[in-house]
């Protein structure tokens, strides 16, 4: 487990998954470091460590295999979320149901704003899926969406009763000769949140790293370079703002809009 401790950490986050910090994990971990969070990181290949769960404000699981948890740890994580912590699950092949029905029927499903089917829930879009804000979400409306981004795929979410919807996706349908681009009729929930006891949970259907993030990683007119030790990322300014706002939103239990 890699630990990053800024001089004056604002909140403590545990982030597990996305391979490791030299691969897909470099995107989110670098932004968390740049925002000054105290970060404990667990690569996808490592067992979930024995931890004082109450020490963390936010738990992030992104493409982290169910098999790396002991059963009692999933129950402990569920309990700490209902007691007041926040949980964010981010899409991937080993998130939600994924390829191997990862979290279906586990204690974590009970504290997520989506039900998890016992079938493969991965959806891929060869021509892209447009990400747009839901009209009823003040959080989503606070971002600039004049030029919305395109992602490559996601885990299909199934909102629970009482879940709040923030982002919606619709597939692009592009043809040539003559050129035309339209949006598919079907829409998909891409970001859900829900209060869980004294805590909070959110489900982001797509990944924050390639490949599912698609062109959204470059969203924004400006390029931003962020460094962390001997690593760096170059991303779009609005992508960085989106990730920053998402983390603030989860830590504040849905209260922070920007």
Protein backbone atom coordinates (compact mmCIF):
# COMPACT_ATOMS: atom_id res chain seq x y z
CA UNK A 1 0.00 0.00 0.00
CA UNK A 2 1.42 3.35 -1.05
CA UNK A 3 0.90 6.29 1.30
CA UNK A 4 1.06 9.95 0.33
CA UNK A 5 0.85 12.44 3.17
CA UNK A 6 0.79 16.17 2.35
CA UNK A 7 1.94 18.59 5.01
CA UNK A 8 -1.59 19.63 5.94
CA UNK A 9 -4.02 17.01 4.63
CA UNK A 10 -7.61 18.19 4.37
CA UNK A 11 -9.21 14.75 4.29
CA UNK A 12 -8.01 11.15 4.26
CA UNK A 13 -8.91 8.99 1.27
CA UNK A 14 -8.38 5.30 0.58
CA UNK A 15 -8.24 4.55 -3.14
CA UNK A 16 -8.07 0.94 -4.36
CA UNK A 17 -7.79 -0.38 -7.90
CA UNK A 18 -6.95 0.78 -11.46
CA UNK A 19 -3.94 -1.52 -11.72
CA UNK A 20 -1.26 0.61 -10.00
CA UNK A 21 0.05 4.18 -9.91
CA UNK A 22 2.39 3.54 -12.85
CA UNK A 23 -0.57 2.58 -15.04
CA UNK A 24 -4.26 3.60 -14.98
CA UNK A 25 -4.10 4.63 -11.31
CA UNK A 26 -1.84 7.56 -12.14
CA UNK A 27 -4.78 9.72 -13.32
CA UNK A 28 -6.89 9.82 -10.17
CA UNK A 29 -4.01 9.49 -7.71
CA UNK A 30 -2.14 12.45 -9.24
CA UNK A 31 -5.23 14.66 -9.02
CA UNK A 32 -5.86 13.59 -5.41
CA UNK A 33 -2.27 14.46 -4.58
CA UNK A 34 -2.54 17.83 -6.35
CA UNK A 35 -5.68 18.64 -4.30
CA UNK A 36 -3.81 18.03 -1.04
CA UNK A 37 -5.59 14.91 0.22
CA UNK A 38 -3.94 12.36 2.47
CA UNK A 39 -4.00 9.32 0.21
CA UNK A 40 -3.57 5.62 0.90
CA UNK A 41 -3.45 3.64 -2.34
CA UNK A 42 -3.97 -0.12 -2.84
CA UNK A 43 -3.06 -1.60 -6.27
CA UNK A 44 -5.45 -4.05 -7.90
CA UNK A 45 -2.97 -6.89 -7.41
CA UNK A 46 -2.79 -6.51 -3.61
CA UNK A 47 -5.09 -7.83 -0.94
CA UNK A 48 -7.12 -5.19 0.84
CA UNK A 49 -5.06 -4.42 3.97
CA UNK A 50 -6.17 -4.54 7.59
CA UNK A 51 -7.07 -0.91 8.24
CA UNK A 52 -8.75 1.30 10.82
CA UNK A 53 -11.78 1.99 8.61
CA UNK A 54 -12.90 4.88 10.77
CA UNK A 55 -9.77 6.85 9.85
CA UNK A 56 -11.01 7.59 6.31
CA UNK A 57 -13.45 10.19 5.03
CA UNK A 58 -13.82 8.61 1.57
CA UNK A 59 -13.30 5.15 0.10
CA UNK A 60 -12.81 4.92 -3.68
CA UNK A 61 -13.04 1.56 -5.45
CA UNK A 62 -12.21 1.58 -9.16
CA UNK A 63 -11.66 -1.68 -11.01
CA UNK A 64 -10.69 -3.34 -7.73
CA UNK A 65 -11.43 -7.10 -7.71
CA UNK A 66 -13.88 -8.49 -5.18
CA UNK A 67 -11.50 -11.41 -4.51
CA UNK A 68 -9.01 -9.04 -2.86
CA UNK A 69 -11.44 -8.40 0.02
CA UNK A 70 -12.03 -10.68 2.97
CA UNK A 71 -15.77 -11.11 3.57
CA UNK A 72 -15.57 -9.38 6.94
CA UNK A 73 -13.90 -6.37 5.31
CA UNK A 74 -16.86 -5.83 2.99
CA UNK A 75 -19.17 -5.89 6.00
CA UNK A 76 -16.89 -3.48 7.86
CA UNK A 77 -16.84 -1.11 4.89
CA UNK A 78 -20.61 -1.21 4.69
CA UNK A 79 -20.85 -0.39 8.40
CA UNK A 80 -18.42 2.55 8.23
CA UNK A 81 -20.34 4.07 5.31
CA UNK A 82 -23.69 3.93 7.13
CA UNK A 83 -21.93 5.37 10.20
CA UNK A 84 -20.78 8.48 8.32
CA UNK A 85 -18.08 7.83 5.70
CA UNK A 86 -18.46 8.26 1.93
CA UNK A 87 -18.05 5.60 -0.76
CA UNK A 88 -17.42 6.12 -4.47
CA UNK A 89 -17.40 3.17 -6.87
CA UNK A 90 -16.02 3.98 -10.33
CA UNK A 91 -16.76 1.87 -13.40
CA UNK A 92 -14.53 -0.80 -14.86
CA UNK A 93 -14.27 -4.46 -15.78
CA UNK A 94 -13.96 -5.34 -12.08
CA UNK A 95 -16.44 -2.80 -10.71
CA UNK A 96 -20.15 -3.29 -10.01
CA UNK A 97 -20.93 -6.58 -11.84
CA UNK A 98 -18.26 -6.28 -14.53
CA UNK A 99 -16.97 -9.32 -16.33
CA UNK A 100 -17.10 -11.65 -13.32
CA UNK A 101 -20.20 -10.44 -11.37
CA UNK A 102 -17.85 -8.85 -8.85
CA UNK A 103 -20.01 -7.09 -6.23
CA UNK A 104 -23.42 -8.61 -6.92
CA UNK A 105 -24.98 -9.80 -3.64
CA UNK A 106 -22.17 -8.44 -1.45
CA UNK A 107 -22.64 -6.12 1.55
CA UNK A 108 -21.34 -3.25 -0.60
CA UNK A 109 -24.33 -3.52 -2.92
CA UNK A 110 -26.58 -2.55 -0.01
CA UNK A 111 -24.80 0.81 0.40
CA UNK A 112 -24.53 1.74 -3.28
CA UNK A 113 -27.20 3.81 -5.08
CA UNK A 114 -27.53 1.12 -7.77
CA UNK A 115 -28.54 -2.50 -7.73
CA UNK A 116 -25.97 -4.86 -9.26
CA UNK A 117 -27.20 -7.53 -11.69
CA UNK A 118 -25.93 -11.10 -11.72
CA UNK A 119 -24.90 -10.66 -15.37
CA UNK A 120 -22.18 -8.79 -17.23
CA UNK A 121 -23.14 -5.07 -17.08
CA UNK A 122 -20.40 -3.67 -19.34
CA UNK A 123 -21.50 -1.52 -22.28
CA UNK A 124 -19.12 -0.34 -25.01
CA UNK A 125 -19.75 2.35 -27.65
CA UNK A 126 -17.61 2.24 -30.78
CA UNK A 127 -18.84 5.68 -31.86
CA UNK A 128 -18.84 7.15 -28.37
CA UNK A 129 -21.40 8.07 -25.72
CA UNK A 130 -22.19 11.72 -25.02
CA UNK A 131 -22.12 12.76 -21.34
CA UNK A 132 -24.69 15.39 -20.34
CA UNK A 133 -25.93 16.80 -17.03
CA UNK A 134 -29.29 15.83 -15.59
CA UNK A 135 -31.61 18.82 -15.33
CA UNK A 136 -32.47 18.02 -11.71
CA UNK A 137 -28.87 18.01 -10.47
CA UNK A 138 -27.47 21.31 -9.13
CA UNK A 139 -24.07 19.64 -8.84
CA UNK A 140 -23.95 18.68 -12.50
CA UNK A 141 -25.38 22.00 -13.63
CA UNK A 142 -22.49 23.81 -11.94
CA UNK A 143 -20.09 22.46 -14.59
CA UNK A 144 -19.84 24.03 -18.08
CA UNK A 145 -21.44 21.65 -20.59
CA UNK A 146 -21.53 23.81 -23.75
CA UNK A 147 -19.13 21.32 -25.41
CA UNK A 148 -19.95 18.01 -23.69
CA UNK A 149 -17.39 15.19 -23.63
CA UNK A 150 -17.58 11.70 -25.11
CA UNK A 151 -16.75 8.47 -23.29
CA UNK A 152 -16.18 4.98 -24.67
CA UNK A 153 -18.24 2.83 -22.32
CA UNK A 154 -19.50 2.13 -18.82
CA UNK A 155 -21.15 -0.28 -16.42
CA UNK A 156 -24.93 -0.10 -16.78
CA UNK A 157 -26.44 1.30 -13.57
CA UNK A 158 -29.86 0.50 -12.12
CA UNK A 159 -30.92 3.30 -9.73
CA UNK A 160 -32.41 2.34 -6.39
CA UNK A 161 -35.50 4.07 -5.08
CA UNK A 162 -34.36 7.40 -3.65
CA UNK A 163 -31.13 7.60 -5.67
CA UNK A 164 -30.32 10.99 -7.21
CA UNK A 165 -29.32 11.19 -10.88
CA UNK A 166 -26.59 13.63 -11.92
CA UNK A 167 -25.23 12.58 -15.33
CA UNK A 168 -26.87 10.93 -18.34
CA UNK A 169 -25.32 9.23 -21.36
CA UNK A 170 -26.64 8.75 -24.89
CA UNK A 171 -24.86 6.88 -27.64
CA UNK A 172 -23.76 8.66 -30.80
CA UNK A 173 -24.87 7.32 -34.18
CA UNK A 174 -22.60 8.55 -36.96
CA UNK A 175 -22.83 7.77 -40.65
CA UNK A 176 -21.02 8.91 -43.77
CA UNK A 177 -22.07 9.61 -47.35
CA UNK A 178 -23.76 11.89 -46.52
CA UNK A 179 -22.30 12.66 -43.11
CA UNK A 180 -24.78 12.77 -40.24
CA UNK A 181 -24.51 12.50 -36.47
CA UNK A 182 -27.46 11.86 -34.18
CA UNK A 183 -28.08 10.74 -30.61
CA UNK A 184 -29.67 7.40 -29.80
CA UNK A 185 -33.07 7.51 -28.14
CA UNK A 186 -32.06 5.41 -25.15
CA UNK A 187 -30.38 7.21 -22.25
CA UNK A 188 -28.33 5.71 -19.43
CA UNK A 189 -27.66 6.92 -15.89
CA UNK A 190 -23.96 7.67 -15.51
CA UNK A 191 -23.68 9.16 -12.02
CA UNK A 192 -25.92 8.34 -9.06
CA UNK A 193 -25.72 9.33 -5.40
CA UNK A 194 -27.62 8.46 -2.26
CA UNK A 195 -27.51 9.14 1.46
CA UNK A 196 -26.81 5.94 3.40
CA UNK A 197 -27.61 6.30 7.09
CA UNK A 198 -25.20 8.99 8.28
CA UNK A 199 -22.98 8.40 5.26
CA UNK A 200 -23.06 8.85 1.51
CA UNK A 201 -22.35 6.80 -1.59
CA UNK A 202 -21.98 7.50 -5.29
CA UNK A 203 -21.72 5.33 -8.40
CA UNK A 204 -19.88 6.62 -11.48
CA UNK A 205 -20.63 4.30 -14.39
CA UNK A 206 -17.51 5.01 -16.47
CA UNK A 207 -13.82 4.90 -15.63
CA UNK A 208 -11.65 7.96 -15.01
CA UNK A 209 -8.74 6.42 -16.94
CA UNK A 210 -8.42 4.93 -20.43
CA UNK A 211 -10.08 3.23 -22.12
CA UNK A 212 -13.64 4.04 -21.01
CA UNK A 213 -12.90 7.68 -20.22
CA UNK A 214 -12.36 8.14 -23.98
CA UNK A 215 -12.08 11.75 -25.11
CA UNK A 216 -13.29 13.07 -21.77
CA UNK A 217 -9.72 12.87 -20.45
CA UNK A 218 -8.94 15.78 -22.81
CA UNK A 219 -12.14 17.73 -22.08
CA UNK A 220 -11.47 21.47 -21.89
CA UNK A 221 -9.75 24.04 -24.07
CA UNK A 222 -6.62 24.14 -21.92
CA UNK A 223 -4.08 21.39 -21.18
CA UNK A 224 -3.09 20.83 -17.55
CA UNK A 225 0.10 19.08 -16.44
CA UNK A 226 0.11 17.67 -12.91
CA UNK A 227 3.12 16.00 -11.30
CA UNK A 228 3.44 13.51 -8.47
CA UNK A 229 6.94 12.33 -7.51
CA UNK A 230 8.40 10.97 -10.79
CA UNK A 231 5.00 10.71 -12.48
CA UNK A 232 2.86 13.20 -14.37
CA UNK A 233 -0.37 13.44 -16.33
CA UNK A 234 -1.46 15.84 -19.06
CA UNK A 235 -5.24 16.24 -19.19
CA UNK A 236 -7.94 18.68 -20.20
CA UNK A 237 -8.77 21.46 -17.76
CA UNK A 238 -12.45 20.48 -17.51
CA UNK A 239 -11.57 16.83 -16.92
CA UNK A 240 -9.42 17.91 -13.98
CA UNK A 241 -12.25 20.15 -12.73
CA UNK A 242 -14.77 17.32 -13.08
CA UNK A 243 -12.65 14.92 -11.01
CA UNK A 244 -11.96 17.61 -8.40
CA UNK A 245 -15.66 18.43 -8.10
CA UNK A 246 -16.64 14.76 -7.91
CA UNK A 247 -14.29 14.12 -4.98
CA UNK A 248 -15.48 17.26 -3.16
CA UNK A 249 -19.07 16.21 -3.78
CA UNK A 250 -18.48 12.79 -2.21
CA UNK A 251 -16.49 14.05 0.79
CA UNK A 252 -19.11 16.69 1.55
CA UNK A 253 -21.91 14.07 1.23
CA UNK A 254 -23.47 15.85 -1.71
CA UNK A 255 -23.29 19.38 -0.35
CA UNK A 256 -20.40 20.91 -2.33
CA UNK A 257 -21.31 21.99 -5.86
CA UNK A 258 -17.94 23.29 -7.07
